[in-house]
Amino acid sequence: MKRAFALLCLGLFAAVGSGQETFGTIVRKDPAFDKLIPQDAKIEKLATGFKWVEGPVWIKNGGFLLFSDIPNNAIHQFTPGKGLVRDFIKPAGYTGKEPRPGTLPTDEPGSNGLMLDVEGRLTLCEHGDSRVARLDKDFKNKVTLASKYNGKKLNSPNDLVYHSNGDLYFTDPPYGMVKHYEDPARELDFCGVYRLKKDGALELLTKEMTRPNGIALSPDEKWLYVANSDPKLAIWKKFPVKEDGTIGEGKVFYDATSVVGKKPGLPDGLKVDVNGNVFATGPGGVLIFSPEGALLGVLETGVPTANCAFGEDGTILYIAADKSLAKIRTSTKGKGF
């Protein structure tokens, strides 16, 4: 259907000069970390003044970054070198005519995870509309990819990753529902990890995780990583991907439960570099793991940190840090670059 939302060329948000304002601390825990983050690297703040930044994705053909501001129901655009952050799509995750009740301190109706499919089309996890949707390459037409499982409405799709064969893996906790787990409109009594096959069939892979959130595939696509943002079980799990695209029994990749409350944040979004190292937002900021699950170091932002994404030539890691967008230069490249 034709989009009912606006593609805006106006709407300027709080850019931070040339991006030279630095913040946070870089904690090196293993010599292998030095091969990923240069000794002179700093976390640079690019823009601030948002409500809760999420889902960054680099648009290669356009040379810019898109990211969600979930409570503001908007997707914003950041273009390196221009020092500007503009509204790109609004509304972005809730297109209903009635205002959201907003009974929680933070209502999250907008889009969350963003990802390009194998043809370069933008795919969105839309909280308020409880669906996964996709735009065409010029961002003008939107189609619903998944909104129901076994006839029941999805909770609020959160994050996603594409397999090279076109299959889409995504998580579905209820954070975008007005009352979260207790929302009376909730139709599913579990939080699923799904695979949407390229033929359109939606398959439940597991419902064992209490709060599945961020999701990523290893470079060889043999492993699926899923973050669990439960303060009582703040873990990342690693599932083997079978030849048919389903997953086998998962194992704990890393457990951060002991530092919940001592460091800001919970396991959230994650990305993988070309060598299989995992860049995962969680308690403290961005935790960087080896493919075997050893914690190599932490980009400590000092604030709850939602997600990250590689961009530009693949060596720049963009960070969605609470109300701000930031970046850091790396010595590696993101998967897909």
Protein backbone atom coordinates (compact mmCIF):
# COMPACT_ATOMS: atom_id res chain seq x y z
CA MET A 1 0.00 0.00 0.00
CA LYS A 2 1.02 3.61 -0.45
CA ARG A 3 2.62 5.02 2.63
CA ALA A 4 0.51 7.26 4.83
CA PHE A 5 3.51 8.60 6.64
CA ALA A 6 5.57 11.65 5.72
CA LEU A 7 9.01 11.63 4.20
CA LEU A 8 10.39 14.83 5.61
CA CYS A 9 13.14 17.13 4.44
CA LEU A 10 12.73 19.41 7.44
CA GLY A 11 13.03 18.80 11.17
CA LEU A 12 16.50 19.36 12.48
CA PHE A 13 17.58 17.77 15.74
CA ALA A 14 20.36 18.53 18.18
CA ALA A 15 23.54 17.84 16.27
CA VAL A 16 26.75 18.12 18.26
CA GLY A 17 29.05 20.24 16.15
CA SER A 18 31.57 18.20 14.20
CA GLY A 19 31.15 15.17 16.42
CA GLN A 20 34.27 15.88 18.45
CA GLU A 21 32.56 15.86 21.85
CA THR A 22 33.75 12.67 23.51
CA PHE A 23 32.31 10.74 26.40
CA GLY A 24 32.51 7.41 28.14
CA THR A 25 35.47 5.15 28.85
CA ILE A 26 37.13 2.38 26.88
CA VAL A 27 37.94 -0.63 29.06
CA ARG A 28 40.46 -3.13 27.65
CA LYS A 29 40.25 -6.60 29.19
CA ASP A 30 42.18 -8.73 26.71
CA PRO A 31 45.10 -8.07 24.32
CA ALA A 32 42.87 -9.19 21.44
CA PHE A 33 40.77 -6.06 22.04
CA ASP A 34 43.64 -3.91 20.72
CA LYS A 35 43.21 -5.50 17.30
CA LEU A 36 39.59 -4.29 17.22
CA ILE A 37 39.67 -0.85 18.86
CA PRO A 38 42.71 1.43 18.25
CA GLN A 39 44.57 2.74 21.28
CA ASP A 40 43.71 6.33 20.36
CA ALA A 41 40.04 5.68 19.59
CA LYS A 42 37.40 7.73 21.38
CA ILE A 43 33.63 7.56 21.63
CA GLU A 44 32.31 10.67 19.85
CA LYS A 45 28.84 12.08 20.43
CA LEU A 46 27.20 13.03 17.14
CA ALA A 47 23.73 14.17 18.14
CA THR A 48 21.54 14.27 21.21
CA GLY A 49 18.12 15.35 22.46
CA PHE A 50 16.18 12.24 21.47
CA LYS A 51 14.04 10.09 23.79
CA TRP A 52 15.40 6.58 23.18
CA VAL A 53 17.60 5.83 20.18
CA GLU A 54 17.53 2.38 18.59
CA GLY A 55 18.00 0.30 15.45
CA PRO A 56 20.83 2.06 13.55
CA VAL A 57 21.41 0.85 9.99
CA TRP A 58 23.83 2.13 7.35
CA ILE A 59 22.34 2.86 3.92
CA LYS A 60 25.20 2.13 1.55
CA ASN A 61 23.62 3.50 -1.60
CA GLY A 62 22.74 6.78 0.11
CA GLY A 63 25.79 7.21 2.30
CA PHE A 64 23.83 7.91 5.46
CA LEU A 65 22.65 6.30 8.69
CA LEU A 66 19.03 5.73 9.69
CA PHE A 67 18.01 5.12 13.30
CA SER A 68 14.81 4.87 15.31
CA ASP A 69 13.64 7.16 18.10
CA ILE A 70 11.00 4.82 19.47
CA PRO A 71 9.03 7.08 21.86
CA ASN A 72 8.93 9.82 19.21
CA ASN A 73 7.59 7.34 16.62
CA ALA A 74 10.21 8.50 14.14
CA ILE A 75 13.15 7.36 12.04
CA HIS A 76 15.92 9.92 11.69
CA GLN A 77 18.71 10.35 9.16
CA PHE A 78 22.32 11.23 9.96
CA THR A 79 24.68 12.10 7.12
CA PRO A 80 28.42 12.13 7.96
CA GLY A 81 30.14 15.42 7.23
CA LYS A 82 26.95 17.47 7.26
CA GLY A 83 26.44 17.63 11.02
CA LEU A 84 22.69 17.33 10.57
CA VAL A 85 20.07 14.92 11.89
CA ARG A 86 16.76 15.12 10.06
CA ASP A 87 13.39 13.44 10.36
CA PHE A 88 13.24 10.76 7.69
CA ILE A 89 9.99 8.90 8.36
CA LYS A 90 7.28 9.87 10.84
CA PRO A 91 5.19 8.09 12.01
CA ALA A 92 7.48 5.10 11.84
CA GLY A 93 6.00 2.31 13.93
CA TYR A 94 2.48 3.28 14.93
CA THR A 95 0.12 4.48 12.24
CA GLY A 96 -3.14 4.27 14.20
CA LYS A 97 -5.44 7.28 14.24
CA GLU A 98 -6.06 7.15 17.97
CA PRO A 99 -3.35 8.48 20.32
CA ARG A 100 -1.56 5.87 22.36
CA PRO A 101 -2.71 5.86 26.01
CA GLY A 102 0.89 6.11 27.18
CA THR A 103 0.14 4.77 30.66
CA LEU A 104 3.76 3.78 31.24
CA PRO A 105 6.45 6.36 32.00
CA THR A 106 7.99 5.59 28.62
CA ASP A 107 5.65 4.61 25.81
CA GLU A 108 7.42 3.06 22.81
CA PRO A 109 5.11 3.10 19.77
CA GLY A 110 7.71 3.66 17.05
CA SER A 111 9.96 1.44 14.98
CA ASN A 112 12.79 -0.43 16.66
CA GLY A 113 15.21 -2.60 14.66
CA LEU A 114 15.98 -1.58 11.08
CA MET A 115 17.72 -3.74 8.49
CA LEU A 116 18.25 -3.88 4.73
CA ASP A 117 17.17 -7.03 2.94
CA VAL A 118 19.27 -8.78 0.31
CA GLU A 119 17.87 -6.38 -2.32
CA GLY A 120 18.65 -3.27 -0.28
CA ARG A 121 15.10 -2.56 0.89
CA LEU A 122 14.52 -1.19 4.39
CA THR A 123 12.79 -3.58 6.78
CA LEU A 124 11.30 -2.26 10.04
CA CYS A 125 10.24 -3.81 13.32
CA GLU A 126 7.16 -1.72 14.12
CA HIS A 127 6.20 -1.69 17.79
CA GLY A 128 2.85 0.08 17.71
CA ASP A 129 1.53 -1.73 14.65
CA SER A 130 2.82 -5.10 15.96
CA ARG A 131 4.37 -6.12 12.68
CA VAL A 132 7.45 -6.45 10.53
CA ALA A 133 7.13 -4.25 7.44
CA ARG A 134 9.27 -3.42 4.42
CA LEU A 135 9.68 -0.36 2.22
CA ASP A 136 10.77 -0.38 -1.38
CA LYS A 137 14.11 1.07 -2.42
CA ASP A 138 12.82 4.63 -2.75
CA PHE A 139 11.00 4.37 0.62
CA LYS A 140 7.59 5.04 -0.97
CA ASN A 141 5.62 1.82 -0.60
CA LYS A 142 5.19 -0.30 2.51
CA VAL A 143 4.15 -3.93 2.73
CA THR A 144 3.51 -6.04 5.82
CA LEU A 145 5.80 -9.05 6.01
CA ALA A 146 4.59 -10.55 9.31
CA SER A 147 1.89 -9.52 11.77
CA LYS A 148 0.37 -12.76 13.07
CA TYR A 149 1.46 -16.20 14.18
CA ASN A 150 -1.13 -18.97 14.03
CA GLY A 151 -3.84 -16.34 13.68
CA LYS A 152 -2.74 -14.36 16.75
CA LYS A 153 -1.25 -10.88 16.62
CA LEU A 154 2.47 -10.60 17.27
CA ASN A 155 3.54 -8.75 20.41
CA SER A 156 5.86 -6.03 19.11
CA PRO A 157 8.69 -7.18 16.83
CA ASN A 158 11.94 -5.84 18.22
CA ASP A 159 15.06 -6.67 16.21
CA LEU A 160 15.93 -8.58 13.07
CA VAL A 161 18.62 -10.03 10.85
CA TYR A 162 18.57 -11.36 7.30
CA HIS A 163 20.15 -14.60 6.16
CA SER A 164 21.92 -14.37 2.79
CA ASN A 165 19.24 -16.64 1.30
CA GLY A 166 16.54 -14.03 2.05
CA ASP A 167 15.10 -15.59 5.21
CA LEU A 168 14.43 -13.13 8.04
CA TYR A 169 15.04 -13.91 11.72
CA PHE A 170 13.43 -11.64 14.33
CA THR A 171 12.50 -11.38 18.01
CA ASP A 172 9.11 -10.52 19.47
CA PRO A 173 8.96 -9.30 23.10
CA PRO A 174 6.08 -7.00 24.17
CA TYR A 175 8.05 -3.80 24.88
CA GLY A 176 6.08 -1.85 22.29
CA MET A 177 2.72 -2.72 23.84
CA VAL A 178 1.31 -0.07 26.14
CA LYS A 179 1.38 -2.25 29.26
CA HIS A 180 4.10 -4.62 28.07
CA TYR A 181 3.57 -8.13 29.47
CA GLU A 182 0.30 -7.17 31.16
CA ASP A 183 -1.26 -5.50 28.13
CA PRO A 184 -4.88 -6.71 27.74
CA ALA A 185 -4.52 -6.57 23.96
CA ARG A 186 -1.71 -9.12 24.01
CA GLU A 187 -2.71 -12.28 22.12
CA LEU A 188 0.39 -14.47 22.47
CA ASP A 189 1.42 -15.73 25.91
CA PHE A 190 5.09 -16.11 25.02
CA CYS A 191 7.96 -14.13 23.48
CA GLY A 192 9.17 -15.81 20.33
CA VAL A 193 12.18 -15.93 18.08
CA TYR A 194 10.93 -16.42 14.53
CA ARG A 195 12.07 -17.14 11.02
CA LEU A 196 10.12 -15.58 8.17
CA LYS A 197 11.00 -17.71 5.18
CA LYS A 198 11.43 -16.06 1.82
CA ASP A 199 8.24 -17.80 0.65
CA GLY A 200 6.29 -15.86 3.34
CA ALA A 201 5.81 -18.68 5.84
CA LEU A 202 6.34 -17.66 9.48
CA GLU A 203 7.98 -20.26 11.70
CA LEU A 204 8.48 -20.15 15.48
CA LEU A 205 12.05 -21.19 16.25
CA THR A 206 11.96 -20.98 20.04
CA LYS A 207 9.91 -19.49 22.86
CA GLU A 208 12.35 -20.47 25.59
CA MET A 209 13.81 -16.99 26.04
CA THR A 210 11.94 -14.78 28.50
CA ARG A 211 12.78 -11.44 26.84
CA PRO A 212 14.42 -12.00 23.44
CA ASN A 213 15.80 -8.78 22.05
CA GLY A 214 18.85 -8.25 19.81
CA ILE A 215 19.67 -10.83 17.17
CA ALA A 216 22.53 -11.50 14.74
CA LEU A 217 24.07 -14.21 12.58
CA SER A 218 27.72 -15.22 12.54
CA PRO A 219 29.62 -14.46 9.31
CA ASP A 220 29.35 -18.08 8.16
CA GLU A 221 25.66 -18.09 9.19
CA LYS A 222 26.16 -21.24 11.26
CA TRP A 223 25.27 -19.50 14.55
CA LEU A 224 22.38 -17.31 15.64
CA TYR A 225 22.98 -14.98 18.59
CA VAL A 226 20.04 -13.72 20.65
CA ALA A 227 20.15 -11.28 23.56
CA ASN A 228 17.84 -11.78 26.54
CA SER A 229 17.00 -8.47 28.23
CA ASP A 230 15.65 -10.00 31.42
CA PRO A 231 17.27 -8.45 34.53
CA LYS A 232 16.91 -11.82 36.27
CA LEU A 233 18.60 -13.65 33.39
CA ALA A 234 20.68 -11.11 31.47
CA ILE A 235 22.33 -13.42 28.96
CA TRP A 236 23.17 -13.90 25.32
CA LYS A 237 22.49 -17.29 23.78
CA LYS A 238 24.10 -18.93 20.77
CA PHE A 239 22.02 -21.32 18.65
CA PRO A 240 23.37 -23.58 15.89
CA VAL A 241 21.64 -22.92 12.57
CA LYS A 242 20.72 -26.13 10.78
CA GLU A 243 20.88 -26.63 7.03
CA ASP A 244 17.11 -26.20 6.78
CA GLY A 245 17.28 -22.81 8.54
CA THR A 246 15.85 -23.95 11.86
CA ILE A 247 17.95 -23.82 15.03
CA GLY A 248 19.27 -26.45 17.38
CA GLU A 249 19.67 -26.38 21.15
CA GLY A 250 21.12 -23.10 22.34
CA LYS A 251 23.82 -22.52 24.90
CA VAL A 252 24.70 -19.49 26.99
CA PHE A 253 27.22 -17.36 25.12
CA TYR A 254 27.74 -14.88 27.98
CA ASP A 255 25.99 -14.18 31.30
CA ALA A 256 25.93 -10.58 32.58
CA THR A 257 23.29 -11.06 35.27
CA SER A 258 25.78 -10.37 38.08
CA VAL A 259 26.40 -6.80 36.91
CA VAL A 260 22.76 -5.83 36.32
CA GLY A 261 22.04 -2.79 38.46
CA LYS A 262 25.75 -2.08 38.90
CA LYS A 263 26.12 -0.96 35.27
CA PRO A 264 23.40 0.80 33.24
CA GLY A 265 21.52 -1.23 30.66
CA LEU A 266 20.57 -4.80 29.77
CA PRO A 267 21.43 -7.13 26.86
CA ASP A 268 19.97 -5.47 23.79
CA GLY A 269 21.06 -4.99 20.17
CA LEU A 270 24.14 -6.63 18.70
CA LYS A 271 26.21 -6.83 15.53
CA VAL A 272 29.02 -9.09 14.31
CA ASP A 273 32.25 -8.17 12.54
CA VAL A 274 33.81 -10.00 9.60
CA ASN A 275 35.81 -12.25 11.94
CA GLY A 276 32.88 -13.24 14.12
CA ASN A 277 33.55 -10.94 17.07
CA VAL A 278 30.29 -9.85 18.69
CA PHE A 279 29.58 -6.19 19.49
CA ALA A 280 26.67 -6.35 21.94
CA THR A 281 24.99 -3.57 23.88
CA GLY A 282 24.39 -4.51 27.49
CA PRO A 283 25.21 -3.54 31.08
CA GLY A 284 27.83 -0.80 30.81
CA GLY A 285 27.63 0.05 27.12
CA VAL A 286 28.94 -2.00 24.16
CA LEU A 287 30.48 -5.30 25.26
CA ILE A 288 32.85 -6.85 22.72
CA PHE A 289 33.22 -10.64 22.70
CA SER A 290 35.37 -13.09 20.82
CA PRO A 291 33.49 -15.69 18.73
CA GLU A 292 34.01 -18.10 21.65
CA GLY A 293 32.32 -15.76 24.15
CA ALA A 294 35.35 -14.23 25.91
CA LEU A 295 34.78 -10.63 26.98
CA LEU A 296 37.56 -8.65 25.30
CA GLY A 297 36.59 -5.15 26.38
CA VAL A 298 33.79 -2.66 26.89
CA LEU A 299 32.93 0.68 25.33
CA GLU A 300 31.48 2.13 28.54
CA THR A 301 29.04 4.88 27.60
CA GLY A 302 27.81 5.56 31.13
CA VAL A 303 24.18 5.33 29.98
CA PRO A 304 21.75 2.55 28.99
CA THR A 305 22.80 1.63 25.46
CA ALA A 306 20.35 0.10 23.03
CA ASN A 307 22.08 -0.92 19.82
CA CYS A 308 24.97 -0.45 17.41
CA ALA A 309 25.78 -0.82 13.72
CA PHE A 310 28.79 -0.66 11.45
CA GLY A 311 28.73 2.04 8.78
CA GLU A 312 30.61 4.14 6.23
CA ASP A 313 33.51 1.94 5.02
CA GLY A 314 32.60 -0.71 7.59
CA THR A 315 35.10 0.44 10.23
CA ILE A 316 32.89 3.01 11.97
CA LEU A 317 30.69 1.65 14.75
CA TYR A 318 27.60 3.79 15.35
CA ILE A 319 26.15 3.52 18.85
CA ALA A 320 22.58 4.21 19.99
CA ALA A 321 23.27 5.41 23.54
CA ASP A 322 20.10 6.39 25.37
CA LYS A 323 19.18 9.89 24.11
CA SER A 324 22.26 10.25 21.89
CA LEU A 325 23.84 8.95 18.71
CA ALA A 326 27.58 8.27 18.92
CA LYS A 327 30.36 6.60 16.96
CA ILE A 328 33.81 5.10 17.38
CA ARG A 329 36.50 4.15 14.88
CA THR A 330 37.47 0.47 14.84
CA SER A 331 40.26 -1.61 13.34
CA THR A 332 37.85 -4.20 12.00
CA LYS A 333 34.88 -4.21 9.64
CA GLY A 334 31.27 -5.13 10.10
CA LYS A 335 29.86 -8.25 8.54
CA GLY A 336 28.65 -7.42 5.05
CA PHE A 337 31.27 -4.76 4.27
